[in-house]
Amino acid sequence: MHQTSPALRRIAVAWLLALVLAIVASVLAITAVKNAVAGPVDPVRAYIGALQAGDGGRALGLLHTTVPSGSPALLDGAPLKDSMSRIRDISYGMAKADGDHATVAVRFTVEGEAHESQFTVDRTGTDWLFFPRWSISPTSLPTLTATVVNSTRATMNGMSVNMPEGRNAFPVFFPGSYVGSLDGAQFAAEPRAVVVSGPGATAPLNLATKATPQLLGAIEAKLHSYLDDCARTATQQQRLQPNCPFSLATNTRIQDGTIAWSVSAYPTVSVEPYQGSWTIAPLAGKAELKAVAIDLFTGAKSPVDTKVDFSFNARLDVSDAAITVTPQLK
């Protein structure tokens, strides 16, 4: 009987050992690649990366989302990157797998406040026989519903946007930080922010437009000028009941040439929205009358120094070219 030489047996054993080691190494390599490259977290990471890059088209493809009706102004480019600029401290939780489905938590902060977004991912197939293919489950984008008082424009995430009749709806990505404001020389709204962390929701963002200090100052200056002119004219005409918001009715005889009107307290101006426009709230102030009274029986003279409360309304007309304040006397 032919016997295999010891040298051949050693060679066969060596080749067999090498083959076993190669198989083990391949299995370990495949397992490592599966765990490191093809995990359920990967499509979520890719989606977040697309948001950070301002690539709305890629983000839509990765999210497999339906887009609600509304303005697409915040779905791409600079507004999208601005949204993510406030999303900080991003971390990804361990995927919680359940068969061909898994849940991935994305944790982040905005202005130091903690938030979390949940993503569902599905196993959609296998690549190269070994690597599972994961994809974010189809969902719907949330909607930002914005309003602004008495304006057809606003600023959202740094972009000027249309606000027909003072409102608009904006489909947005999540997670996201959205900031609205209104900048203007006459009317403005301070920035307001909302954080959107989940799909399909509706997030309100309401901008409270107010008259700017510049506009209030201009209105006050016009009213001060009007009241000062009124007091000066009443003094020149020596009238106790001038065509002014203030007057004095008295049976006391006043010496001619002694009537002197002045304004001692000017009205505080407040501008309020009213039926799609702006109105000045009712105005109130104080006038001072100085004069000399004559006693009807004795003829004796005595000084008069009295404060008179007054109130009136004023109509406001504002355009880019002019600010008009028209007093309305009863």
Protein backbone atom coordinates (compact mmCIF):
# COMPACT_ATOMS: atom_id res chain seq x y z
CA MET A 1 0.00 0.00 0.00
CA HIS A 2 1.21 3.46 -0.93
CA GLN A 3 1.87 5.70 2.08
CA THR A 4 1.94 9.52 2.09
CA SER A 5 5.25 10.88 3.12
CA PRO A 6 5.49 13.01 6.30
CA ALA A 7 6.50 16.00 4.18
CA LEU A 8 3.34 15.83 2.08
CA ARG A 9 1.18 15.47 5.18
CA ARG A 10 2.77 18.57 6.69
CA ILE A 11 2.11 20.53 3.49
CA ALA A 12 -1.54 19.38 3.40
CA VAL A 13 -2.07 20.34 7.03
CA ALA A 14 -0.47 23.73 6.42
CA TRP A 15 -2.75 24.40 3.43
CA LEU A 16 -5.82 23.26 5.38
CA LEU A 17 -4.90 25.52 8.31
CA ALA A 18 -4.35 28.43 5.94
CA LEU A 19 -7.74 27.82 4.33
CA VAL A 20 -9.48 27.70 7.72
CA LEU A 21 -7.75 30.91 8.81
CA ALA A 22 -8.73 32.59 5.55
CA ILE A 23 -12.36 31.58 6.01
CA VAL A 24 -12.37 32.80 9.62
CA ALA A 25 -10.72 36.07 8.58
CA SER A 26 -13.29 36.53 5.82
CA VAL A 27 -16.17 35.93 8.22
CA LEU A 28 -14.69 38.36 10.74
CA ALA A 29 -14.08 40.95 8.02
CA ILE A 30 -17.60 40.60 6.66
CA THR A 31 -19.05 40.89 10.17
CA ALA A 32 -16.92 43.95 10.90
CA VAL A 33 -17.96 45.63 7.65
CA LYS A 34 -21.61 44.80 8.29
CA ASN A 35 -21.42 46.32 11.75
CA ALA A 36 -19.37 49.36 10.80
CA VAL A 37 -20.66 50.24 7.34
CA ALA A 38 -24.09 48.84 6.74
CA GLY A 39 -25.87 49.49 10.04
CA PRO A 40 -29.37 50.98 10.47
CA VAL A 41 -27.87 54.28 11.64
CA ASP A 42 -26.11 54.93 8.33
CA PRO A 43 -29.04 56.28 6.27
CA VAL A 44 -29.93 58.57 9.20
CA ARG A 45 -26.36 59.87 9.35
CA ALA A 46 -26.45 60.47 5.60
CA TYR A 47 -29.75 62.35 5.91
CA ILE A 48 -28.43 64.60 8.70
CA GLY A 49 -25.32 65.25 6.62
CA ALA A 50 -27.48 66.33 3.66
CA LEU A 51 -29.36 68.77 5.91
CA GLN A 52 -26.10 70.24 7.21
CA ALA A 53 -24.90 70.71 3.63
CA GLY A 54 -28.14 72.45 2.67
CA ASP A 55 -28.81 69.75 0.07
CA GLY A 56 -32.58 69.51 0.24
CA GLY A 57 -32.90 67.31 -2.85
CA ARG A 58 -30.64 64.64 -1.41
CA ALA A 59 -32.36 64.89 1.98
CA LEU A 60 -35.77 64.36 0.37
CA GLY A 61 -34.46 61.28 -1.42
CA LEU A 62 -33.01 59.77 1.75
CA LEU A 63 -36.12 60.52 3.80
CA HIS A 64 -38.49 59.06 1.18
CA THR A 65 -40.93 61.72 2.23
CA THR A 66 -44.11 63.26 0.92
CA VAL A 67 -44.07 67.06 0.85
CA PRO A 68 -47.18 68.86 2.15
CA SER A 69 -48.55 71.82 0.22
CA GLY A 70 -47.00 75.18 0.94
CA SER A 71 -44.01 77.34 0.12
CA PRO A 72 -40.78 75.36 -0.50
CA ALA A 73 -38.63 78.36 0.50
CA LEU A 74 -37.04 76.62 3.51
CA LEU A 75 -36.30 73.24 1.92
CA ASP A 76 -32.94 73.93 0.33
CA GLY A 77 -29.81 76.04 0.31
CA ALA A 78 -29.04 78.81 2.78
CA PRO A 79 -32.30 78.62 4.83
CA LEU A 80 -31.78 74.87 5.35
CA LYS A 81 -28.15 75.33 6.39
CA ASP A 82 -29.24 78.14 8.71
CA SER A 83 -31.74 75.76 10.32
CA MET A 84 -28.99 73.25 11.04
CA SER A 85 -26.55 75.90 12.27
CA ARG A 86 -28.42 75.93 15.60
CA ILE A 87 -28.64 72.13 15.85
CA ARG A 88 -25.70 71.28 18.09
CA ASP A 89 -24.26 68.30 19.99
CA ILE A 90 -25.69 65.72 17.59
CA SER A 91 -25.43 62.11 18.76
CA TYR A 92 -26.91 58.85 17.48
CA GLY A 93 -28.39 56.27 19.80
CA MET A 94 -27.97 52.53 19.38
CA ALA A 95 -30.39 51.18 16.81
CA LYS A 96 -33.22 49.17 18.35
CA ALA A 97 -33.81 46.40 15.84
CA ASP A 98 -36.95 44.31 15.44
CA GLY A 99 -36.46 41.95 12.53
CA ASP A 100 -36.27 43.96 9.34
CA HIS A 101 -37.14 47.19 11.15
CA ALA A 102 -35.18 49.39 13.53
CA THR A 103 -35.56 52.66 15.43
CA VAL A 104 -32.76 55.24 15.55
CA ALA A 105 -32.77 58.17 17.98
CA VAL A 106 -30.96 61.38 17.08
CA ARG A 107 -30.28 63.58 20.09
CA PHE A 108 -29.29 67.24 19.79
CA THR A 109 -29.48 70.60 21.51
CA VAL A 110 -30.74 74.02 20.44
CA GLU A 111 -29.63 76.97 22.56
CA GLY A 112 -28.60 74.47 25.25
CA GLU A 113 -32.02 72.76 25.39
CA ALA A 114 -32.10 69.02 24.71
CA HIS A 115 -34.28 67.56 21.92
CA GLU A 116 -34.65 64.20 20.20
CA SER A 117 -35.83 62.97 16.80
CA GLN A 118 -36.89 59.38 16.16
CA PHE A 119 -36.36 57.66 12.80
CA THR A 120 -37.71 54.30 11.69
CA VAL A 121 -35.54 52.42 9.20
CA ASP A 122 -36.33 49.31 7.20
CA ARG A 123 -34.13 46.54 5.81
CA THR A 124 -34.81 46.73 2.09
CA GLY A 125 -32.43 44.07 0.77
CA THR A 126 -28.87 42.77 0.76
CA ASP A 127 -25.80 43.95 -1.15
CA TRP A 128 -23.09 41.47 -2.24
CA LEU A 129 -24.89 38.60 -0.45
CA PHE A 130 -23.70 39.76 2.97
CA PHE A 131 -24.45 43.44 3.57
CA PRO A 132 -28.00 44.45 4.63
CA ARG A 133 -29.37 47.51 2.93
CA TRP A 134 -31.22 49.95 5.24
CA SER A 135 -33.49 52.81 4.30
CA ILE A 136 -35.47 55.41 6.27
CA SER A 137 -39.15 54.50 6.36
CA PRO A 138 -41.39 56.77 4.22
CA THR A 139 -42.91 59.62 6.19
CA SER A 140 -44.31 63.12 5.72
CA LEU A 141 -42.55 66.41 6.35
CA PRO A 142 -43.78 68.66 9.14
CA THR A 143 -45.25 72.06 8.30
CA LEU A 144 -44.36 75.42 9.77
CA THR A 145 -47.46 77.66 9.84
CA ALA A 146 -46.35 81.28 10.12
CA THR A 147 -48.34 84.47 10.65
CA VAL A 148 -47.30 88.12 10.76
CA VAL A 149 -49.47 91.09 11.74
CA ASN A 150 -50.23 93.60 8.98
CA SER A 151 -47.47 92.54 6.60
CA THR A 152 -47.19 90.53 3.41
CA ARG A 153 -43.47 89.86 3.92
CA ALA A 154 -41.36 88.31 6.64
CA THR A 155 -37.89 86.85 7.10
CA MET A 156 -37.54 83.11 7.74
CA ASN A 157 -34.10 81.67 8.46
CA GLY A 158 -32.49 84.68 6.81
CA MET A 159 -34.64 84.58 3.66
CA SER A 160 -37.32 87.11 2.74
CA VAL A 161 -40.56 85.20 2.11
CA ASN A 162 -44.04 86.04 0.92
CA MET A 163 -46.81 86.13 3.52
CA PRO A 164 -50.10 86.54 1.59
CA GLU A 165 -52.66 88.16 3.89
CA GLY A 166 -50.12 87.84 6.69
CA ARG A 167 -49.77 84.04 6.67
CA ASN A 168 -48.11 81.14 4.89
CA ALA A 169 -47.30 77.45 5.32
CA PHE A 170 -43.77 76.10 4.90
CA PRO A 171 -42.94 72.37 4.65
CA VAL A 172 -39.71 71.90 6.60
CA PHE A 173 -37.20 69.20 7.42
CA PHE A 174 -36.68 67.73 10.85
CA PRO A 175 -34.76 68.11 13.01
CA GLY A 176 -34.62 71.84 12.40
CA SER A 177 -34.54 75.23 14.08
CA TYR A 178 -36.66 77.87 12.35
CA VAL A 179 -36.52 81.58 13.15
CA GLY A 180 -38.90 84.22 11.82
CA SER A 181 -38.76 87.99 12.11
CA LEU A 182 -39.82 91.20 10.41
CA ASP A 183 -37.31 93.97 9.86
CA GLY A 184 -38.49 97.45 8.96
CA ALA A 185 -37.92 101.10 9.71
CA GLN A 186 -41.55 101.66 10.71
CA PHE A 187 -42.88 98.27 11.76
CA ALA A 188 -40.93 95.24 12.95
CA ALA A 189 -41.38 91.92 14.73
CA GLU A 190 -38.78 90.53 17.09
CA PRO A 191 -37.32 87.12 16.15
CA ARG A 192 -39.28 84.08 17.24
CA ALA A 193 -37.96 80.53 17.03
CA VAL A 194 -39.46 77.07 16.91
CA VAL A 195 -37.72 73.67 16.99
CA VAL A 196 -39.21 70.93 14.82
CA SER A 197 -38.18 67.42 15.82
CA GLY A 198 -40.66 65.00 14.26
CA PRO A 199 -42.52 64.20 11.03
CA GLY A 200 -46.03 65.19 10.05
CA ALA A 201 -46.56 67.77 12.79
CA THR A 202 -47.71 71.37 12.43
CA ALA A 203 -45.58 73.95 14.22
CA PRO A 204 -46.95 77.49 14.63
CA LEU A 205 -44.70 80.54 14.45
CA ASN A 206 -46.52 83.81 15.08
CA LEU A 207 -44.80 87.16 14.62
CA ALA A 208 -46.14 90.08 16.69
CA THR A 209 -45.51 93.16 14.55
CA LYS A 210 -45.14 96.43 16.42
CA ALA A 211 -44.36 100.03 15.59
CA THR A 212 -40.65 100.66 15.84
CA PRO A 213 -39.21 103.20 18.30
CA GLN A 214 -38.30 105.24 15.23
CA LEU A 215 -41.93 105.43 14.11
CA LEU A 216 -43.23 106.13 17.62
CA GLY A 217 -40.69 108.92 17.96
CA ALA A 218 -41.78 110.45 14.67
CA ILE A 219 -45.46 110.33 15.70
CA GLU A 220 -44.69 111.85 19.10
CA ALA A 221 -42.71 114.66 17.48
CA LYS A 222 -45.63 115.49 15.18
CA LEU A 223 -48.11 115.45 18.07
CA HIS A 224 -45.85 117.59 20.25
CA SER A 225 -45.52 120.10 17.43
CA TYR A 226 -49.30 120.13 16.88
CA LEU A 227 -50.10 120.66 20.56
CA ASP A 228 -47.41 123.33 21.01
CA ASP A 229 -48.72 125.20 17.95
CA CYS A 230 -52.26 124.87 19.27
CA ALA A 231 -51.26 126.31 22.66
CA ARG A 232 -49.33 129.16 21.01
CA THR A 233 -52.25 130.06 18.72
CA ALA A 234 -54.74 129.92 21.61
CA THR A 235 -52.50 132.28 23.59
CA GLN A 236 -52.15 134.67 20.65
CA GLN A 237 -55.91 134.68 20.09
CA GLN A 238 -56.59 134.89 23.87
CA ARG A 239 -59.13 132.10 23.74
CA LEU A 240 -60.26 129.95 26.66
CA GLN A 241 -61.93 127.53 24.25
CA PRO A 242 -59.65 127.33 21.25
CA ASN A 243 -59.91 124.84 18.38
CA CYS A 244 -57.65 122.48 20.30
CA PRO A 245 -57.98 119.26 22.27
CA PHE A 246 -57.95 121.37 25.47
CA SER A 247 -60.26 124.19 26.62
CA LEU A 248 -61.70 125.70 29.79
CA ALA A 249 -65.31 126.62 30.45
CA THR A 250 -65.71 129.15 33.28
CA ASN A 251 -68.02 131.90 34.46
CA THR A 252 -65.05 133.77 35.91
CA ARG A 253 -64.10 136.95 34.11
CA ILE A 254 -60.58 136.75 32.71
CA GLN A 255 -58.54 139.86 32.10
CA ASP A 256 -57.79 140.41 28.44
CA GLY A 257 -54.18 139.79 27.44
CA THR A 258 -53.39 137.48 30.34
CA ILE A 259 -54.37 134.07 28.87
CA ALA A 260 -51.35 131.79 28.44
CA TRP A 261 -51.74 128.14 27.40
CA SER A 262 -49.02 125.48 27.52
CA VAL A 263 -48.83 121.68 27.45
CA SER A 264 -47.70 120.22 30.76
CA ALA A 265 -48.01 116.50 29.90
CA TYR A 266 -47.85 115.17 26.37
CA PRO A 267 -49.78 112.03 25.39
CA THR A 268 -48.07 108.65 25.39
CA VAL A 269 -48.30 107.18 21.88
CA SER A 270 -49.35 103.60 21.24
CA VAL A 271 -49.91 102.19 17.74
CA GLU A 272 -52.16 99.15 17.44
CA PRO A 273 -53.32 96.91 14.58
CA TYR A 274 -56.89 97.41 13.48
CA GLN A 275 -58.70 95.74 10.56
CA GLY A 276 -55.55 95.12 8.57
CA SER A 277 -54.14 98.59 9.17
CA TRP A 278 -52.67 100.62 12.03
CA THR A 279 -54.33 103.05 14.38
CA ILE A 280 -53.14 105.37 17.14
CA ALA A 281 -54.72 104.51 20.47
CA PRO A 282 -56.74 107.32 22.12
CA LEU A 283 -54.46 110.09 23.33
CA ALA A 284 -54.59 111.84 26.71
CA GLY A 285 -52.54 114.65 28.21
CA LYS A 286 -52.63 117.78 30.37
CA ALA A 287 -52.60 121.46 29.48
CA GLU A 288 -51.88 124.35 31.80
CA LEU A 289 -53.72 127.68 31.74
CA LYS A 290 -52.31 130.77 33.39
CA ALA A 291 -54.33 133.98 33.46
CA VAL A 292 -55.62 136.78 35.68
CA ALA A 293 -59.19 136.63 37.00
CA ILE A 294 -61.28 139.71 37.88
CA ASP A 295 -63.90 139.53 40.64
CA LEU A 296 -67.23 140.64 39.18
CA PHE A 297 -68.29 142.36 42.43
CA THR A 298 -65.11 143.91 43.80
CA GLY A 299 -62.94 144.16 40.69
CA ALA A 300 -60.10 142.51 42.57
CA LYS A 301 -57.60 140.61 40.45
CA SER A 302 -56.19 137.16 41.26
CA PRO A 303 -53.89 134.79 39.41
CA VAL A 304 -55.28 131.68 37.75
CA ASP A 305 -53.07 128.58 37.34
CA THR A 306 -55.03 125.45 36.50
CA LYS A 307 -54.36 122.07 34.88
CA VAL A 308 -56.82 120.80 32.30
CA ASP A 309 -57.07 117.11 31.32
CA PHE A 310 -57.68 116.56 27.63
CA SER A 311 -58.10 113.64 25.23
CA PHE A 312 -58.43 113.25 21.49
CA ASN A 313 -57.87 110.80 18.65
CA ALA A 314 -55.52 110.96 15.68
CA ARG A 315 -55.50 109.19 12.34
CA LEU A 316 -52.26 107.60 11.18
CA ASP A 317 -51.27 107.23 7.53
CA VAL A 318 -47.92 105.58 6.86
CA SER A 319 -46.18 105.08 3.54
CA ASP A 320 -42.58 104.59 2.48
CA ALA A 321 -42.41 108.30 1.67
CA ALA A 322 -44.23 109.94 4.56
CA ILE A 323 -45.82 109.62 7.98
CA THR A 324 -49.02 111.64 8.38
CA VAL A 325 -50.74 112.22 11.74
CA THR A 326 -54.13 113.94 11.56
CA PRO A 327 -55.77 114.97 14.88
CA GLN A 328 -59.47 114.16 15.12
CA LEU A 329 -61.30 116.58 17.43
CA LYS A 330 -64.80 115.92 18.68
